[in-house]
PDB file of N, CA and C in Angstrom:
ATOM      1  N   MET A   1      29.707 -19.674 -52.410  1.00  0.00           N
ATOM      2  CA  MET A   1      28.973 -21.147 -51.647  1.00  0.00           C
ATOM      3  C   MET A   1      27.681 -21.493 -51.189  1.00  0.00           C
ATOM      4  N   GLY A   2      26.984 -20.519 -51.002  1.00  0.00           N
ATOM      5  CA  GLY A   2      25.497 -20.582 -50.821  1.00  0.00           C
ATOM      6  C   GLY A   2      25.489 -21.991 -49.531  1.00  0.00           C
ATOM      7  N   ASN A   3      24.249 -22.656 -49.703  1.00  0.00           N
ATOM      8  CA  ASN A   3      23.964 -23.950 -49.097  1.00  0.00           C
ATOM      9  C   ASN A   3      23.860 -24.784 -49.048  1.00  0.00           C
ATOM     10  N   SER A   4      25.462 -25.035 -50.131  1.00  0.00           N
ATOM     11  CA  SER A   4      25.892 -26.444 -50.356  1.00  0.00           C
ATOM     12  C   SER A   4      26.357 -27.199 -48.830  1.00  0.00           C
ATOM     13  N   LYS A   5      25.822 -28.643 -48.562  1.00  0.00           N
ATOM     14  CA  LYS A   5      26.485 -29.506 -47.654  1.00  0.00           C
ATOM     15  C   LYS A   5      27.300 -30.494 -48.395  1.00  0.00           C
ATOM     16  N   LYS A   6      27.755 -29.837 -49.093  1.00  0.00           N
ATOM     17  CA  LYS A   6      28.861 -31.099 -49.840  1.00  0.00           C
ATOM     18  C   LYS A   6      30.494 -31.007 -48.988  1.00  0.00           C
ATOM     19  N   ILE A   7      30.566 -31.896 -48.500  1.00  0.00           N
ATOM     20  CA  ILE A   7      31.762 -32.097 -47.939  1.00  0.00           C
ATOM     21  C   ILE A   7      32.640 -32.826 -48.558  1.00  0.00           C
ATOM     22  N   LEU A   8      34.182 -32.355 -48.072  1.00  0.00           N
ATOM     23  CA  LEU A   8      35.250 -33.517 -48.748  1.00  0.00           C
ATOM     24  C   LEU A   8      36.234 -33.578 -47.853  1.00  0.00           C
ATOM     25  N   ILE A   9      36.417 -34.633 -47.972  1.00  0.00           N
ATOM     26  CA  ILE A   9      37.054 -35.731 -46.916  1.00  0.00           C
ATOM     27  C   ILE A   9      38.263 -36.195 -47.175  1.00  0.00           C
ATOM     28  N   VAL A  10      39.596 -35.550 -46.712  1.00  0.00           N
ATOM     29  CA  VAL A  10      40.296 -35.984 -47.642  1.00  0.00           C
ATOM     30  C   VAL A  10      41.542 -37.117 -46.066  1.00  0.00           C
ATOM     31  N   ASP A  11      41.405 -38.106 -46.270  1.00  0.00           N
ATOM     32  CA  ASP A  11      42.330 -39.553 -45.413  1.00  0.00           C
ATOM     33  C   ASP A  11      42.779 -40.351 -46.385  1.00  0.00           C
ATOM     34  N   ASP A  12      43.938 -41.064 -45.543  1.00  0.00           N
ATOM     35  CA  ASP A  12      44.664 -42.493 -46.582  1.00  0.00           C
ATOM     36  C   ASP A  12      44.062 -43.571 -45.855  1.00  0.00           C
ATOM     37  N   ASP A  13      42.806 -43.793 -44.832  1.00  0.00           N
ATOM     38  CA  ASP A  13      42.307 -44.371 -44.331  1.00  0.00           C
ATOM     39  C   ASP A  13      41.019 -44.719 -44.421  1.00  0.00           C
ATOM     40  N   ASN A  14      41.030 -45.425 -45.394  1.00  0.00           N
ATOM     41  CA  ASN A  14      39.421 -46.206 -46.151  1.00  0.00           C
ATOM     42  C   ASN A  14      38.688 -46.313 -44.653  1.00  0.00           C
ATOM     43  N   ARG A  15      38.770 -46.689 -43.651  1.00  0.00           N
ATOM     44  CA  ARG A  15      38.101 -47.043 -42.570  1.00  0.00           C
ATOM     45  C   ARG A  15      37.559 -45.429 -41.970  1.00  0.00           C
ATOM     46  N   ASN A  16      37.938 -44.745 -41.956  1.00  0.00           N
ATOM     47  CA  ASN A  16      38.249 -43.206 -41.557  1.00  0.00           C
ATOM     48  C   ASN A  16      36.933 -42.710 -42.448  1.00  0.00           C
ATOM     49  N   ILE A  17      37.315 -42.876 -43.678  1.00  0.00           N
ATOM     50  CA  ILE A  17      36.404 -42.243 -44.863  1.00  0.00           C
ATOM     51  C   ILE A  17      35.281 -43.174 -44.653  1.00  0.00           C
ATOM     52  N   PHE A  18      34.645 -44.249 -44.509  1.00  0.00           N
ATOM     53  CA  PHE A  18      33.853 -44.936 -44.797  1.00  0.00           C
ATOM     54  C   PHE A  18      32.801 -44.426 -43.577  1.00  0.00           C
ATOM     55  N   ALA A  19      33.435 -44.823 -42.031  1.00  0.00           N
ATOM     56  CA  ALA A  19      32.904 -43.874 -40.975  1.00  0.00           C
ATOM     57  C   ALA A  19      32.256 -42.777 -40.939  1.00  0.00           C
ATOM     58  N   LEU A  20      33.172 -41.724 -41.281  1.00  0.00           N
ATOM     59  CA  LEU A  20      32.604 -40.008 -41.754  1.00  0.00           C
ATOM     60  C   LEU A  20      31.538 -40.113 -42.413  1.00  0.00           C
ATOM     61  N   THR A  21      31.174 -40.827 -43.487  1.00  0.00           N
ATOM     62  CA  THR A  21      30.642 -40.817 -44.750  1.00  0.00           C
ATOM     63  C   THR A  21      29.499 -41.276 -43.644  1.00  0.00           C
ATOM     64  N   ALA A  22      29.472 -42.134 -43.588  1.00  0.00           N
ATOM     65  CA  ALA A  22      28.465 -42.979 -42.760  1.00  0.00           C
ATOM     66  C   ALA A  22      27.382 -42.030 -41.969  1.00  0.00           C
ATOM     67  N   VAL A  23      28.560 -41.220 -41.228  1.00  0.00           N
ATOM     68  CA  VAL A  23      27.560 -40.312 -40.176  1.00  0.00           C
ATOM     69  C   VAL A  23      27.373 -39.397 -40.912  1.00  0.00           C
ATOM     70  N   LEU A  24      28.116 -38.218 -41.735  1.00  0.00           N
ATOM     71  CA  LEU A  24      27.519 -37.405 -42.256  1.00  0.00           C
ATOM     72  C   LEU A  24      26.223 -37.150 -43.497  1.00  0.00           C
ATOM     73  N   LYS A  25      26.276 -38.696 -44.040  1.00  0.00           N
ATOM     74  CA  LYS A  25      25.756 -38.841 -44.877  1.00  0.00           C
ATOM     75  C   LYS A  25      24.012 -39.049 -43.741  1.00  0.00           C
ATOM     76  N   ALA A  26      23.776 -39.264 -42.879  1.00  0.00           N
ATOM     77  CA  ALA A  26      22.916 -39.942 -42.071  1.00  0.00           C
ATOM     78  C   ALA A  26      22.325 -38.311 -41.346  1.00  0.00           C
ATOM     79  N   LYS A  27      23.228 -37.284 -41.516  1.00  0.00           N
ATOM     80  CA  LYS A  27      22.883 -35.750 -40.801  1.00  0.00           C
ATOM     81  C   LYS A  27      22.657 -35.002 -42.173  1.00  0.00           C
ATOM     82  N   GLY A  28      22.400 -35.682 -43.697  1.00  0.00           N
ATOM     83  CA  GLY A  28      22.061 -34.720 -44.490  1.00  0.00           C
ATOM     84  C   GLY A  28      23.040 -34.144 -45.564  1.00  0.00           C
ATOM     85  N   TYR A  29      24.520 -34.607 -45.066  1.00  0.00           N
ATOM     86  CA  TYR A  29      25.695 -34.008 -45.924  1.00  0.00           C
ATOM     87  C   TYR A  29      25.614 -35.086 -47.231  1.00  0.00           C
ATOM     88  N   GLN A  30      26.136 -34.294 -48.144  1.00  0.00           N
ATOM     89  CA  GLN A  30      26.713 -34.948 -49.079  1.00  0.00           C
ATOM     90  C   GLN A  30      28.372 -35.275 -48.951  1.00  0.00           C
ATOM     91  N   CYS A  31      28.869 -36.485 -49.535  1.00  0.00           N
ATOM     92  CA  CYS A  31      30.394 -36.546 -49.143  1.00  0.00           C
ATOM     93  C   CYS A  31      31.078 -37.050 -50.815  1.00  0.00           C
ATOM     94  N   LEU A  32      32.575 -36.525 -50.615  1.00  0.00           N
ATOM     95  CA  LEU A  32      33.470 -36.640 -51.676  1.00  0.00           C
ATOM     96  C   LEU A  32      34.784 -37.634 -50.623  1.00  0.00           C
ATOM     97  N   SER A  33      35.335 -38.246 -51.392  1.00  0.00           N
ATOM     98  CA  SER A  33      36.431 -38.404 -50.392  1.00  0.00           C
ATOM     99  C   SER A  33      37.333 -39.137 -51.192  1.00  0.00           C
ATOM    100  N   ALA A  34      38.993 -38.391 -50.897  1.00  0.00           N
ATOM    101  CA  ALA A  34      39.766 -38.659 -51.180  1.00  0.00           C
ATOM    102  C   ALA A  34      41.138 -39.034 -50.351  1.00  0.00           C
ATOM    103  N   PRO A  35      41.636 -40.320 -50.967  1.00  0.00           N
ATOM    104  CA  PRO A  35      42.874 -40.765 -49.986  1.00  0.00           C
ATOM    105  C   PRO A  35      44.131 -39.980 -50.042  1.00  0.00           C
ATOM    106  N   PHE A  36      44.254 -39.171 -51.266  1.00  0.00           N
ATOM    107  CA  PHE A  36      45.474 -38.037 -51.159  1.00  0.00           C
ATOM    108  C   PHE A  36      45.420 -36.830 -51.014  1.00  0.00           C
ATOM    109  N   ALA A  37      46.191 -36.174 -50.466  1.00  0.00           N
ATOM    110  CA  ALA A  37      45.871 -34.502 -50.557  1.00  0.00           C
ATOM    111  C   ALA A  37      45.997 -33.894 -52.515  1.00  0.00           C
ATOM    112  N   GLU A  38      46.705 -34.792 -53.112  1.00  0.00           N
ATOM    113  CA  GLU A  38      46.526 -34.430 -54.517  1.00  0.00           C
ATOM    114  C   GLU A  38      44.665 -34.646 -55.020  1.00  0.00           C
ATOM    115  N   GLU A  39      44.612 -36.083 -54.835  1.00  0.00           N
ATOM    116  CA  GLU A  39      43.298 -36.250 -55.310  1.00  0.00           C
ATOM    117  C   GLU A  39      41.975 -35.469 -54.736  1.00  0.00           C
ATOM    118  N   GLY A  40      42.520 -34.943 -53.957  1.00  0.00           N
ATOM    119  CA  GLY A  40      41.574 -33.973 -52.748  1.00  0.00           C
ATOM    120  C   GLY A  40      41.414 -32.504 -53.856  1.00  0.00           C
ATOM    121  N   PHE A  41      42.898 -32.445 -54.295  1.00  0.00           N
ATOM    122  CA  PHE A  41      43.074 -30.812 -55.027  1.00  0.00           C
ATOM    123  C   PHE A  41      42.392 -31.139 -56.083  1.00  0.00           C
ATOM    124  N   GLU A  42      41.879 -32.286 -56.842  1.00  0.00           N
ATOM    125  CA  GLU A  42      41.061 -32.464 -58.496  1.00  0.00           C
ATOM    126  C   GLU A  42      40.002 -32.457 -58.093  1.00  0.00           C
ATOM    127  N   LEU A  43      39.736 -32.915 -56.978  1.00  0.00           N
ATOM    128  CA  LEU A  43      37.906 -32.863 -56.592  1.00  0.00           C
ATOM    129  C   LEU A  43      37.463 -31.811 -56.469  1.00  0.00           C
ATOM    130  N   LEU A  44      38.077 -30.917 -55.568  1.00  0.00           N
ATOM    131  CA  LEU A  44      38.141 -29.367 -55.531  1.00  0.00           C
ATOM    132  C   LEU A  44      37.730 -28.997 -56.716  1.00  0.00           C
ATOM    133  N   LYS A  45      38.792 -29.037 -57.565  1.00  0.00           N
ATOM    134  CA  LYS A  45      38.935 -28.101 -59.041  1.00  0.00           C
ATOM    135  C   LYS A  45      37.450 -28.348 -59.894  1.00  0.00           C
ATOM    136  N   LYS A  46      36.922 -30.051 -59.644  1.00  0.00           N
ATOM    137  CA  LYS A  46      36.015 -30.120 -59.972  1.00  0.00           C
ATOM    138  C   LYS A  46      34.477 -29.863 -59.719  1.00  0.00           C
ATOM    139  N   HIS A  47      34.323 -29.809 -58.266  1.00  0.00           N
ATOM    140  CA  HIS A  47      33.197 -29.898 -57.635  1.00  0.00           C
ATOM    141  C   HIS A  47      33.273 -28.119 -56.702  1.00  0.00           C
ATOM    142  N   SER A  48      32.696 -26.974 -57.414  1.00  0.00           N
ATOM    143  CA  SER A  48      32.979 -25.775 -56.713  1.00  0.00           C
ATOM    144  C   SER A  48      32.020 -25.820 -55.535  1.00  0.00           C
ATOM    145  N   GLU A  49      31.137 -26.881 -55.787  1.00  0.00           N
ATOM    146  CA  GLU A  49      30.494 -26.359 -54.973  1.00  0.00           C
ATOM    147  C   GLU A  49      30.377 -27.225 -53.375  1.00  0.00           C
ATOM    148  N   ILE A  50      31.589 -27.421 -52.810  1.00  0.00           N
ATOM    149  CA  ILE A  50      32.194 -28.115 -51.705  1.00  0.00           C
ATOM    150  C   ILE A  50      32.450 -26.634 -50.720  1.00  0.00           C
ATOM    151  N   ALA A  51      31.685 -27.350 -49.241  1.00  0.00           N
ATOM    152  CA  ALA A  51      31.312 -26.141 -49.000  1.00  0.00           C
ATOM    153  C   ALA A  51      32.695 -26.415 -47.557  1.00  0.00           C
ATOM    154  N   VAL A  52      33.104 -27.467 -47.160  1.00  0.00           N
ATOM    155  CA  VAL A  52      33.904 -27.214 -46.226  1.00  0.00           C
ATOM    156  C   VAL A  52      34.993 -28.770 -46.914  1.00  0.00           C
ATOM    157  N   VAL A  53      36.300 -28.881 -46.159  1.00  0.00           N
ATOM    158  CA  VAL A  53      37.164 -29.872 -45.895  1.00  0.00           C
ATOM    159  C   VAL A  53      37.716 -30.517 -44.971  1.00  0.00           C
ATOM    160  N   LEU A  54      37.256 -31.745 -44.485  1.00  0.00           N
ATOM    161  CA  LEU A  54      37.880 -32.457 -43.282  1.00  0.00           C
ATOM    162  C   LEU A  54      39.377 -33.113 -43.669  1.00  0.00           C
ATOM    163  N   MET A  55      40.149 -32.513 -43.613  1.00  0.00           N
ATOM    164  CA  MET A  55      41.473 -32.822 -43.620  1.00  0.00           C
ATOM    165  C   MET A  55      42.153 -33.516 -42.679  1.00  0.00           C
ATOM    166  N   ASP A  56      42.830 -34.776 -43.182  1.00  0.00           N
ATOM    167  CA  ASP A  56      43.495 -36.009 -42.682  1.00  0.00           C
ATOM    168  C   ASP A  56      44.699 -35.227 -42.303  1.00  0.00           C
ATOM    169  N   MET A  57      45.435 -35.013 -40.674  1.00  0.00           N
ATOM    170  CA  MET A  57      46.858 -34.072 -41.183  1.00  0.00           C
ATOM    171  C   MET A  57      47.834 -34.890 -41.500  1.00  0.00           C
ATOM    172  N   MET A  58      47.908 -36.418 -41.019  1.00  0.00           N
ATOM    173  CA  MET A  58      48.826 -37.625 -41.190  1.00  0.00           C
ATOM    174  C   MET A  58      48.915 -38.069 -42.568  1.00  0.00           C
ATOM    175  N   MET A  59      48.992 -37.645 -43.446  1.00  0.00           N
ATOM    176  CA  MET A  59      49.157 -38.803 -44.526  1.00  0.00           C
ATOM    177  C   MET A  59      50.611 -38.979 -45.390  1.00  0.00           C
ATOM    178  N   PRO A  60      50.422 -40.092 -45.808  1.00  0.00           N
ATOM    179  CA  PRO A  60      51.795 -39.935 -46.715  1.00  0.00           C
ATOM    180  C   PRO A  60      52.313 -39.231 -47.619  1.00  0.00           C
ATOM    181  N   GLY A  61      53.033 -38.776 -48.557  1.00  0.00           N
ATOM    182  CA  GLY A  61      53.127 -37.505 -49.517  1.00  0.00           C
ATOM    183  C   GLY A  61      52.777 -36.327 -48.837  1.00  0.00           C
ATOM    184  N   MET A  62      52.029 -35.776 -49.233  1.00  0.00           N
ATOM    185  CA  MET A  62      51.665 -34.122 -49.199  1.00  0.00           C
ATOM    186  C   MET A  62      51.176 -34.640 -47.777  1.00  0.00           C
ATOM    187  N   ASP A  63      51.343 -34.407 -46.383  1.00  0.00           N
ATOM    188  CA  ASP A  63      50.283 -34.218 -45.218  1.00  0.00           C
ATOM    189  C   ASP A  63      49.372 -33.079 -45.286  1.00  0.00           C
ATOM    190  N   GLY A  64      48.433 -32.988 -44.022  1.00  0.00           N
ATOM    191  CA  GLY A  64      47.837 -32.131 -44.218  1.00  0.00           C
ATOM    192  C   GLY A  64      48.307 -30.860 -43.985  1.00  0.00           C
ATOM    193  N   TYR A  65      49.115 -30.693 -42.708  1.00  0.00           N
ATOM    194  CA  TYR A  65      49.951 -29.163 -43.090  1.00  0.00           C
ATOM    195  C   TYR A  65      50.310 -28.489 -44.455  1.00  0.00           C
ATOM    196  N   GLU A  66      50.887 -29.097 -45.581  1.00  0.00           N
ATOM    197  CA  GLU A  66      51.262 -28.978 -46.441  1.00  0.00           C
ATOM    198  C   GLU A  66      49.942 -28.577 -47.511  1.00  0.00           C
ATOM    199  N   ALA A  67      48.963 -29.681 -47.189  1.00  0.00           N
ATOM    200  CA  ALA A  67      47.947 -29.415 -47.997  1.00  0.00           C
ATOM    201  C   ALA A  67      47.382 -27.894 -48.020  1.00  0.00           C
ATOM    202  N   ILE A  68      46.942 -27.734 -46.718  1.00  0.00           N
ATOM    203  CA  ILE A  68      46.377 -27.004 -46.101  1.00  0.00           C
ATOM    204  C   ILE A  68      47.096 -25.389 -46.953  1.00  0.00           C
ATOM    205  N   ALA A  69      48.271 -25.095 -46.697  1.00  0.00           N
ATOM    206  CA  ALA A  69      49.429 -24.439 -47.130  1.00  0.00           C
ATOM    207  C   ALA A  69      48.990 -24.257 -48.102  1.00  0.00           C
ATOM    208  N   LYS A  70      49.156 -25.488 -48.942  1.00  0.00           N
ATOM    209  CA  LYS A  70      49.160 -25.368 -50.662  1.00  0.00           C
ATOM    210  C   LYS A  70      47.470 -24.487 -50.965  1.00  0.00           C
ATOM    211  N   MET A  71      46.475 -25.124 -50.226  1.00  0.00           N
ATOM    212  CA  MET A  71      45.059 -24.418 -50.787  1.00  0.00           C
ATOM    213  C   MET A  71      45.260 -23.192 -50.373  1.00  0.00           C
ATOM    214  N   GLN A  72      46.114 -22.363 -49.360  1.00  0.00           N
ATOM    215  CA  GLN A  72      45.892 -21.309 -49.164  1.00  0.00           C
ATOM    216  C   GLN A  72      46.274 -20.153 -50.377  1.00  0.00           C
ATOM    217  N   GLU A  73      47.264 -20.817 -51.248  1.00  0.00           N
ATOM    218  CA  GLU A  73      47.904 -20.352 -52.294  1.00  0.00           C
ATOM    219  C   GLU A  73      47.089 -20.159 -53.713  1.00  0.00           C
ATOM    220  N   ILE A  74      45.657 -20.876 -53.524  1.00  0.00           N
ATOM    221  CA  ILE A  74      45.251 -21.159 -54.425  1.00  0.00           C
ATOM    222  C   ILE A  74      43.894 -20.275 -54.389  1.00  0.00           C
ATOM    223  N   LYS A  75      43.929 -19.184 -55.052  1.00  0.00           N
ATOM    224  CA  LYS A  75      42.231 -18.354 -55.305  1.00  0.00           C
ATOM    225  C   LYS A  75      41.333 -18.921 -54.819  1.00  0.00           C
ATOM    226  N   ASP A  76      40.937 -20.314 -55.364  1.00  0.00           N
ATOM    227  CA  ASP A  76      39.698 -20.928 -55.855  1.00  0.00           C
ATOM    228  C   ASP A  76      39.962 -21.662 -54.302  1.00  0.00           C
ATOM    229  N   PHE A  77      40.667 -21.798 -54.079  1.00  0.00           N
ATOM    230  CA  PHE A  77      40.426 -22.734 -52.738  1.00  0.00           C
ATOM    231  C   PHE A  77      40.370 -22.179 -51.331  1.00  0.00           C
ATOM    232  N   LYS A  78      41.470 -20.950 -51.884  1.00  0.00           N
ATOM    233  CA  LYS A  78      41.758 -20.281 -49.824  1.00  0.00           C
ATOM    234  C   LYS A  78      40.257 -20.157 -49.145  1.00  0.00           C
ATOM    235  N   ASP A  79      39.375 -19.470 -49.506  1.00  0.00           N
ATOM    236  CA  ASP A  79      38.141 -19.491 -48.667  1.00  0.00           C
ATOM    237  C   ASP A  79      37.471 -20.712 -48.269  1.00  0.00           C
ATOM    238  N   ILE A  80      37.729 -22.034 -48.313  1.00  0.00           N
ATOM    239  CA  ILE A  80      37.111 -23.211 -48.192  1.00  0.00           C
ATOM    240  C   ILE A  80      37.722 -23.285 -46.892  1.00  0.00           C
ATOM    241  N   PRO A  81      36.361 -23.625 -46.088  1.00  0.00           N
ATOM    242  CA  PRO A  81      37.053 -23.890 -44.427  1.00  0.00           C
ATOM    243  C   PRO A  81      37.632 -25.704 -44.689  1.00  0.00           C
ATOM    244  N   VAL A  82      39.074 -25.548 -43.657  1.00  0.00           N
ATOM    245  CA  VAL A  82      39.598 -26.820 -43.904  1.00  0.00           C
ATOM    246  C   VAL A  82      38.948 -27.233 -42.002  1.00  0.00           C
ATOM    247  N   ILE A  83      38.567 -28.204 -42.194  1.00  0.00           N
ATOM    248  CA  ILE A  83      38.625 -28.640 -40.564  1.00  0.00           C
ATOM    249  C   ILE A  83      39.802 -30.384 -40.232  1.00  0.00           C
ATOM    250  N   ALA A  84      40.999 -29.655 -39.391  1.00  0.00           N
ATOM    251  CA  ALA A  84      41.811 -30.710 -39.416  1.00  0.00           C
ATOM    252  C   ALA A  84      41.357 -32.144 -38.224  1.00  0.00           C
ATOM    253  N   VAL A  85      41.615 -33.079 -39.356  1.00  0.00           N
ATOM    254  CA  VAL A  85      41.105 -34.584 -38.390  1.00  0.00           C
ATOM    255  C   VAL A  85      42.225 -35.121 -38.023  1.00  0.00           C
ATOM    256  N   THR A  86      42.946 -35.221 -36.902  1.00  0.00           N
ATOM    257  CA  THR A  86      44.153 -35.965 -36.563  1.00  0.00           C
ATOM    258  C   THR A  86      43.744 -36.524 -35.492  1.00  0.00           C
ATOM    259  N   ALA A  87      44.771 -37.892 -35.519  1.00  0.00           N
ATOM    260  CA  ALA A  87      44.610 -38.859 -34.554  1.00  0.00           C
ATOM    261  C   ALA A  87      45.900 -38.546 -33.333  1.00  0.00           C
ATOM    262  N   GLN A  88      46.658 -37.337 -33.754  1.00  0.00           N
ATOM    263  CA  GLN A  88      47.291 -36.779 -33.035  1.00  0.00           C
ATOM    264  C   GLN A  88      46.734 -35.697 -32.113  1.00  0.00           C
ATOM    265  N   ALA A  89      46.626 -35.910 -30.952  1.00  0.00           N
ATOM    266  CA  ALA A  89      46.247 -35.234 -30.075  1.00  0.00           C
ATOM    267  C   ALA A  89      46.567 -34.904 -28.746  1.00  0.00           C
ATOM    268  N   MET A  90      48.003 -34.787 -29.102  1.00  0.00           N
ATOM    269  CA  MET A  90      49.181 -34.222 -28.090  1.00  0.00           C
ATOM    270  C   MET A  90      48.613 -32.310 -27.897  1.00  0.00           C
ATOM    271  N   VAL A  91      49.810 -32.206 -26.790  1.00  0.00           N
ATOM    272  CA  VAL A  91      49.282 -30.717 -26.430  1.00  0.00           C
ATOM    273  C   VAL A  91      50.466 -30.105 -27.647  1.00  0.00           C
ATOM    274  N   GLY A  92      49.552 -29.094 -28.098  1.00  0.00           N
ATOM    275  CA  GLY A  92      49.932 -28.058 -29.257  1.00  0.00           C
ATOM    276  C   GLY A  92      49.543 -28.734 -30.988  1.00  0.00           C
ATOM    277  N   ASP A  93      49.235 -30.033 -30.581  1.00  0.00           N
ATOM    278  CA  ASP A  93      48.589 -30.202 -32.259  1.00  0.00           C
ATOM    279  C   ASP A  93      47.555 -29.062 -32.417  1.00  0.00           C
ATOM    280  N   ARG A  94      46.475 -28.836 -31.537  1.00  0.00           N
ATOM    281  CA  ARG A  94      45.157 -28.148 -32.311  1.00  0.00           C
ATOM    282  C   ARG A  94      45.872 -26.762 -32.300  1.00  0.00           C
ATOM    283  N   GLU A  95      46.751 -26.173 -32.132  1.00  0.00           N
ATOM    284  CA  GLU A  95      47.254 -24.710 -32.004  1.00  0.00           C
ATOM    285  C   GLU A  95      48.400 -24.959 -33.489  1.00  0.00           C
ATOM    286  N   ARG A  96      48.479 -26.423 -33.349  1.00  0.00           N
ATOM    287  CA  ARG A  96      49.596 -26.257 -34.872  1.00  0.00           C
ATOM    288  C   ARG A  96      48.820 -26.587 -36.331  1.00  0.00           C
ATOM    289  N   CYS A  97      47.530 -26.819 -35.979  1.00  0.00           N
ATOM    290  CA  CYS A  97      46.784 -27.177 -36.953  1.00  0.00           C
ATOM    291  C   CYS A  97      46.055 -25.700 -37.604  1.00  0.00           C
ATOM    292  N   MET A  98      45.741 -25.314 -36.198  1.00  0.00           N
ATOM    293  CA  MET A  98      45.079 -23.980 -36.571  1.00  0.00           C
ATOM    294  C   MET A  98      46.081 -22.843 -36.967  1.00  0.00           C
ATOM    295  N   ASN A  99      47.359 -22.765 -36.943  1.00  0.00           N
ATOM    296  CA  ASN A  99      48.041 -22.036 -37.385  1.00  0.00           C
ATOM    297  C   ASN A  99      48.759 -22.386 -38.517  1.00  0.00           C
ATOM    298  N   ALA A 100      48.603 -23.034 -39.295  1.00  0.00           N
ATOM    299  CA  ALA A 100      48.296 -24.033 -40.658  1.00  0.00           C
ATOM    300  C   ALA A 100      47.440 -23.224 -41.296  1.00  0.00           C
ATOM    301  N   GLY A 101      46.161 -22.715 -40.984  1.00  0.00           N
ATOM    302  CA  GLY A 101      44.928 -22.429 -41.805  1.00  0.00           C
ATOM    303  C   GLY A 101      43.632 -23.290 -41.592  1.00  0.00           C
ATOM    304  N   ALA A 102      44.080 -24.233 -40.370  1.00  0.00           N
ATOM    305  CA  ALA A 102      42.795 -24.743 -40.544  1.00  0.00           C
ATOM    306  C   ALA A 102      41.271 -24.044 -39.338  1.00  0.00           C
ATOM    307  N   VAL A 103      40.344 -24.016 -39.872  1.00  0.00           N
ATOM    308  CA  VAL A 103      39.083 -23.301 -38.938  1.00  0.00           C
ATOM    309  C   VAL A 103      38.933 -24.192 -38.150  1.00  0.00           C
ATOM    310  N   GLY A 104      38.983 -25.261 -38.093  1.00  0.00           N
ATOM    311  CA  GLY A 104      38.517 -25.951 -36.555  1.00  0.00           C
ATOM    312  C   GLY A 104      39.428 -27.607 -36.364  1.00  0.00           C
ATOM    313  N   TYR A 105      39.209 -28.250 -35.378  1.00  0.00           N
ATOM    314  CA  TYR A 105      39.977 -29.236 -34.785  1.00  0.00           C
ATOM    315  C   TYR A 105      39.534 -30.912 -34.698  1.00  0.00           C
ATOM    316  N   VAL A 106      39.174 -31.860 -35.005  1.00  0.00           N
ATOM    317  CA  VAL A 106      38.975 -32.654 -34.354  1.00  0.00           C
ATOM    318  C   VAL A 106      39.666 -33.960 -33.946  1.00  0.00           C
ATOM    319  N   SER A 107      39.692 -34.426 -33.079  1.00  0.00           N
ATOM    320  CA  SER A 107      40.433 -35.581 -32.973  1.00  0.00           C
ATOM    321  C   SER A 107      39.735 -37.254 -32.899  1.00  0.00           C
ATOM    322  N   LYS A 108      40.643 -38.265 -33.628  1.00  0.00           N
ATOM    323  CA  LYS A 108      40.423 -39.297 -33.560  1.00  0.00           C
ATOM    324  C   LYS A 108      40.396 -39.958 -32.461  1.00  0.00           C
ATOM    325  N   PRO A 109      39.066 -40.889 -32.158  1.00  0.00           N
ATOM    326  CA  PRO A 109      38.148 -41.309 -32.810  1.00  0.00           C
ATOM    327  C   PRO A 109      37.248 -39.575 -32.639  1.00  0.00           C
ATOM    328  N   ILE A 110      36.505 -39.250 -33.578  1.00  0.00           N
ATOM    329  CA  ILE A 110      35.873 -38.612 -33.670  1.00  0.00           C
ATOM    330  C   ILE A 110      34.829 -38.205 -32.816  1.00  0.00           C
ATOM    331  N   ASN A 111      34.869 -37.045 -32.292  1.00  0.00           N
ATOM    332  CA  ASN A 111      33.563 -37.187 -31.278  1.00  0.00           C
ATOM    333  C   ASN A 111      32.641 -36.329 -32.457  1.00  0.00           C
ATOM    334  N   VAL A 112      30.933 -37.009 -32.836  1.00  0.00           N
ATOM    335  CA  VAL A 112      30.713 -36.642 -33.562  1.00  0.00           C
ATOM    336  C   VAL A 112      29.603 -35.465 -33.478  1.00  0.00           C
ATOM    337  N   ASP A 113      29.217 -35.272 -31.925  1.00  0.00           N
ATOM    338  CA  ASP A 113      28.886 -33.564 -31.606  1.00  0.00           C
ATOM    339  C   ASP A 113      29.661 -32.676 -32.042  1.00  0.00           C
ATOM    340  N   LYS A 114      30.517 -33.421 -31.558  1.00  0.00           N
ATOM    341  CA  LYS A 114      31.930 -31.413 -31.666  1.00  0.00           C
ATOM    342  C   LYS A 114      32.195 -31.717 -33.612  1.00  0.00           C
ATOM    343  N   LEU A 115      32.309 -32.470 -34.127  1.00  0.00           N
ATOM    344  CA  LEU A 115      32.251 -32.477 -35.538  1.00  0.00           C
ATOM    345  C   LEU A 115      30.930 -31.470 -36.051  1.00  0.00           C
ATOM    346  N   MET A 116      29.487 -31.972 -35.629  1.00  0.00           N
ATOM    347  CA  MET A 116      28.650 -31.688 -36.200  1.00  0.00           C
ATOM    348  C   MET A 116      28.545 -29.859 -35.562  1.00  0.00           C
ATOM    349  N   GLU A 117      29.271 -29.577 -34.482  1.00  0.00           N
ATOM    350  CA  GLU A 117      29.021 -27.966 -34.014  1.00  0.00           C
ATOM    351  C   GLU A 117      30.113 -27.620 -34.970  1.00  0.00           C
ATOM    352  N   LEU A 118      31.061 -27.776 -35.395  1.00  0.00           N
ATOM    353  CA  LEU A 118      32.140 -27.132 -36.494  1.00  0.00           C
ATOM    354  C   LEU A 118      31.209 -27.083 -37.569  1.00  0.00           C
ATOM    355  N   LEU A 119      30.701 -27.920 -38.464  1.00  0.00           N
ATOM    356  CA  LEU A 119      30.634 -28.276 -39.428  1.00  0.00           C
ATOM    357  C   LEU A 119      28.903 -27.069 -39.870  1.00  0.00           C
ATOM    358  N   THR A 120      28.271 -26.922 -38.859  1.00  0.00           N
ATOM    359  CA  THR A 120      26.942 -25.916 -38.719  1.00  0.00           C
ATOM    360  C   THR A 120      27.334 -24.510 -39.091  1.00  0.00           C
ATOM    361  N   GLN A 121      28.694 -24.389 -37.957  1.00  0.00           N
ATOM    362  CA  GLN A 121      29.315 -22.934 -37.782  1.00  0.00           C
ATOM    363  C   GLN A 121      30.128 -22.585 -39.618  1.00  0.00           C
ATOM    364  N   TYR A 122      30.261 -23.637 -40.277  1.00  0.00           N
ATOM    365  CA  TYR A 122      31.182 -23.242 -41.748  1.00  0.00           C
ATOM    366  C   TYR A 122      29.720 -23.608 -42.958  1.00  0.00           C
ATOM    367  N   ILE A 123      28.851 -24.378 -42.864  1.00  0.00           N
ATOM    368  CA  ILE A 123      27.845 -24.733 -44.022  1.00  0.00           C
ATOM    369  C   ILE A 123      26.340 -23.843 -43.716  1.00  0.00           C
TER     370      ILE A 123
END
């Protein structure tokens, strides 16, 4: 992975992608985005330099839990850290995300400082 500062945002809500991209670009990161997990996988195949995936956990079709599980099964993707992003901030949600294979967890609305802290651990 090296020192790539490229982040893949997988979220079905364009407003979330727009806000996250704006914040991350201002911090010097490059962003790619996909509205669905399947499109996220296509981007991961094309861009081997992606350092971290920000994964929305509640998406139609394949949700974030399924997508993380699928990433764990694919040799080229299993070592890419996934940070779970979710509006579900109830008791047990963090543990559920971590058990699914996420390396970190942020709830919406996103605390930018907490997100930056997580990103610096993995990039």
